Protein backbone atom coordinates (compact mmCIF):
# COMPACT_ATOMS: atom_id res chain seq x y z
CA UNK A 1 11.35 -14.26 -18.35
CA UNK A 2 8.49 -12.45 -16.67
CA UNK A 3 5.05 -12.56 -18.30
CA UNK A 4 3.10 -9.52 -19.32
CA UNK A 5 0.04 -9.04 -17.26
CA UNK A 6 -2.98 -7.00 -18.36
CA UNK A 7 -5.90 -6.71 -15.88
CA UNK A 8 -6.79 -10.41 -15.23
CA UNK A 9 -5.47 -11.63 -18.58
CA UNK A 10 -1.99 -13.12 -18.62
CA UNK A 11 -0.23 -13.08 -21.98
CA UNK A 12 3.01 -14.94 -22.95
CA UNK A 13 5.29 -12.81 -25.08
CA UNK A 14 5.96 -14.33 -28.62
CA UNK A 15 9.18 -16.42 -28.81
CA UNK A 16 10.82 -14.19 -31.22
CA UNK A 17 10.39 -11.27 -28.76
CA UNK A 18 11.80 -13.46 -25.91
CA UNK A 19 14.98 -14.18 -28.08
CA UNK A 20 15.32 -10.55 -28.93
CA UNK A 21 14.88 -9.34 -25.46
CA UNK A 22 17.52 -12.02 -24.34
CA UNK A 23 19.93 -10.79 -27.01
CA UNK A 24 19.49 -7.23 -25.85
CA UNK A 25 20.27 -8.22 -22.27
CA UNK A 26 23.41 -10.21 -23.21
CA UNK A 27 24.46 -7.08 -25.33
CA UNK A 28 23.99 -4.66 -22.26
CA UNK A 29 25.70 -7.12 -19.95
CA UNK A 30 28.84 -7.29 -22.32
CA UNK A 31 28.98 -3.43 -22.52
CA UNK A 32 28.71 -2.97 -18.83
CA UNK A 33 31.23 -5.58 -18.03
CA UNK A 34 33.69 -4.00 -20.46
CA UNK A 35 33.11 -0.56 -18.99
CA UNK A 36 33.20 -1.88 -15.36
CA UNK A 37 29.90 -0.38 -14.60
CA UNK A 38 28.35 -3.16 -12.67
CA UNK A 39 29.02 -6.28 -10.71
CA UNK A 40 29.78 -9.54 -12.39
CA UNK A 41 27.10 -11.32 -14.18
CA UNK A 42 25.52 -14.38 -12.84
CA UNK A 43 24.93 -17.09 -15.61
CA UNK A 44 24.98 -14.40 -18.24
CA UNK A 45 22.14 -12.45 -16.54
CA UNK A 46 22.06 -9.38 -14.31
CA UNK A 47 22.84 -10.23 -10.56
CA UNK A 48 19.70 -9.86 -8.23
CA UNK A 49 19.60 -10.99 -4.57
CA UNK A 50 22.68 -13.39 -5.16
CA UNK A 51 21.33 -15.03 -8.41
CA UNK A 52 20.61 -14.51 -12.06
CA UNK A 53 17.76 -12.13 -12.36
CA UNK A 54 15.58 -14.48 -14.25
CA UNK A 55 15.63 -16.78 -11.32
CA UNK A 56 14.27 -14.36 -8.66
CA UNK A 57 10.76 -14.95 -7.24
CA UNK A 58 7.98 -12.67 -7.89
CA UNK A 59 8.19 -11.45 -4.33
CA UNK A 60 11.84 -10.59 -4.91
CA UNK A 61 10.87 -8.84 -8.37
CA UNK A 62 8.39 -6.69 -6.43
CA UNK A 63 10.75 -5.69 -3.71
CA UNK A 64 13.32 -4.64 -6.26
CA UNK A 65 10.77 -2.68 -8.21
CA UNK A 66 9.84 -0.83 -5.11
CA UNK A 67 13.43 -0.11 -4.40
CA UNK A 68 14.01 1.24 -7.96
CA UNK A 69 10.84 3.38 -7.90
CA UNK A 70 11.84 4.92 -4.54
CA UNK A 71 15.35 5.61 -5.72
CA UNK A 72 13.78 7.19 -8.99
CA UNK A 73 11.73 9.54 -6.92
CA UNK A 74 14.73 10.37 -4.59
CA UNK A 75 16.85 11.09 -7.74
CA UNK A 76 14.13 13.49 -9.11
CA UNK A 77 13.75 15.16 -5.77
CA UNK A 78 17.52 15.66 -5.29
CA UNK A 79 17.78 17.00 -8.74
CA UNK A 80 15.50 19.87 -7.91
CA UNK A 81 12.49 18.61 -10.02
CA UNK A 82 9.98 18.76 -7.03
CA UNK A 83 8.17 22.10 -6.99
CA UNK A 84 9.09 24.16 -3.87
CA UNK A 85 11.18 21.15 -2.88
CA UNK A 86 7.82 19.33 -1.86
CA UNK A 87 8.36 15.72 -1.84
CA UNK A 88 4.64 14.95 -2.35
CA UNK A 89 4.90 16.84 -5.76
CA UNK A 90 8.03 15.28 -6.94
CA UNK A 91 7.36 14.10 -10.46
CA UNK A 92 7.73 10.26 -10.96
CA UNK A 93 7.16 9.87 -14.64
CA UNK A 94 9.52 7.45 -16.20
CA UNK A 95 11.27 7.94 -19.56
CA UNK A 96 8.29 6.63 -21.54
CA UNK A 97 5.96 9.15 -19.97
CA UNK A 98 4.35 6.57 -17.73
CA UNK A 99 3.76 7.45 -14.03
CA UNK A 100 5.89 5.04 -11.76
CA UNK A 101 4.18 3.58 -8.55
CA UNK A 102 5.87 5.34 -5.62
CA UNK A 103 5.47 5.32 -1.97
């Protein structure tokens, strides 16, 4: 499980939070598998780069994050959310209102 980083301070999430996150992941995996919405799991985790997501390196996580952020922007642009179809003005806020980092 990745650590939350705030400025220069690295904080380990509480154990109860980690357990709850793991249970939510397992529930999501089960539902997606039942609906055949994703590839098979690896060691009861989401597949990423041919291994369980929790086993990827920080560099691999960063690359996957960049890909997801770019796809998010493309989806918004294709959905017509960019004023005057301007790529640079395409909104990139996420569901929680935070601005995603896009190229």
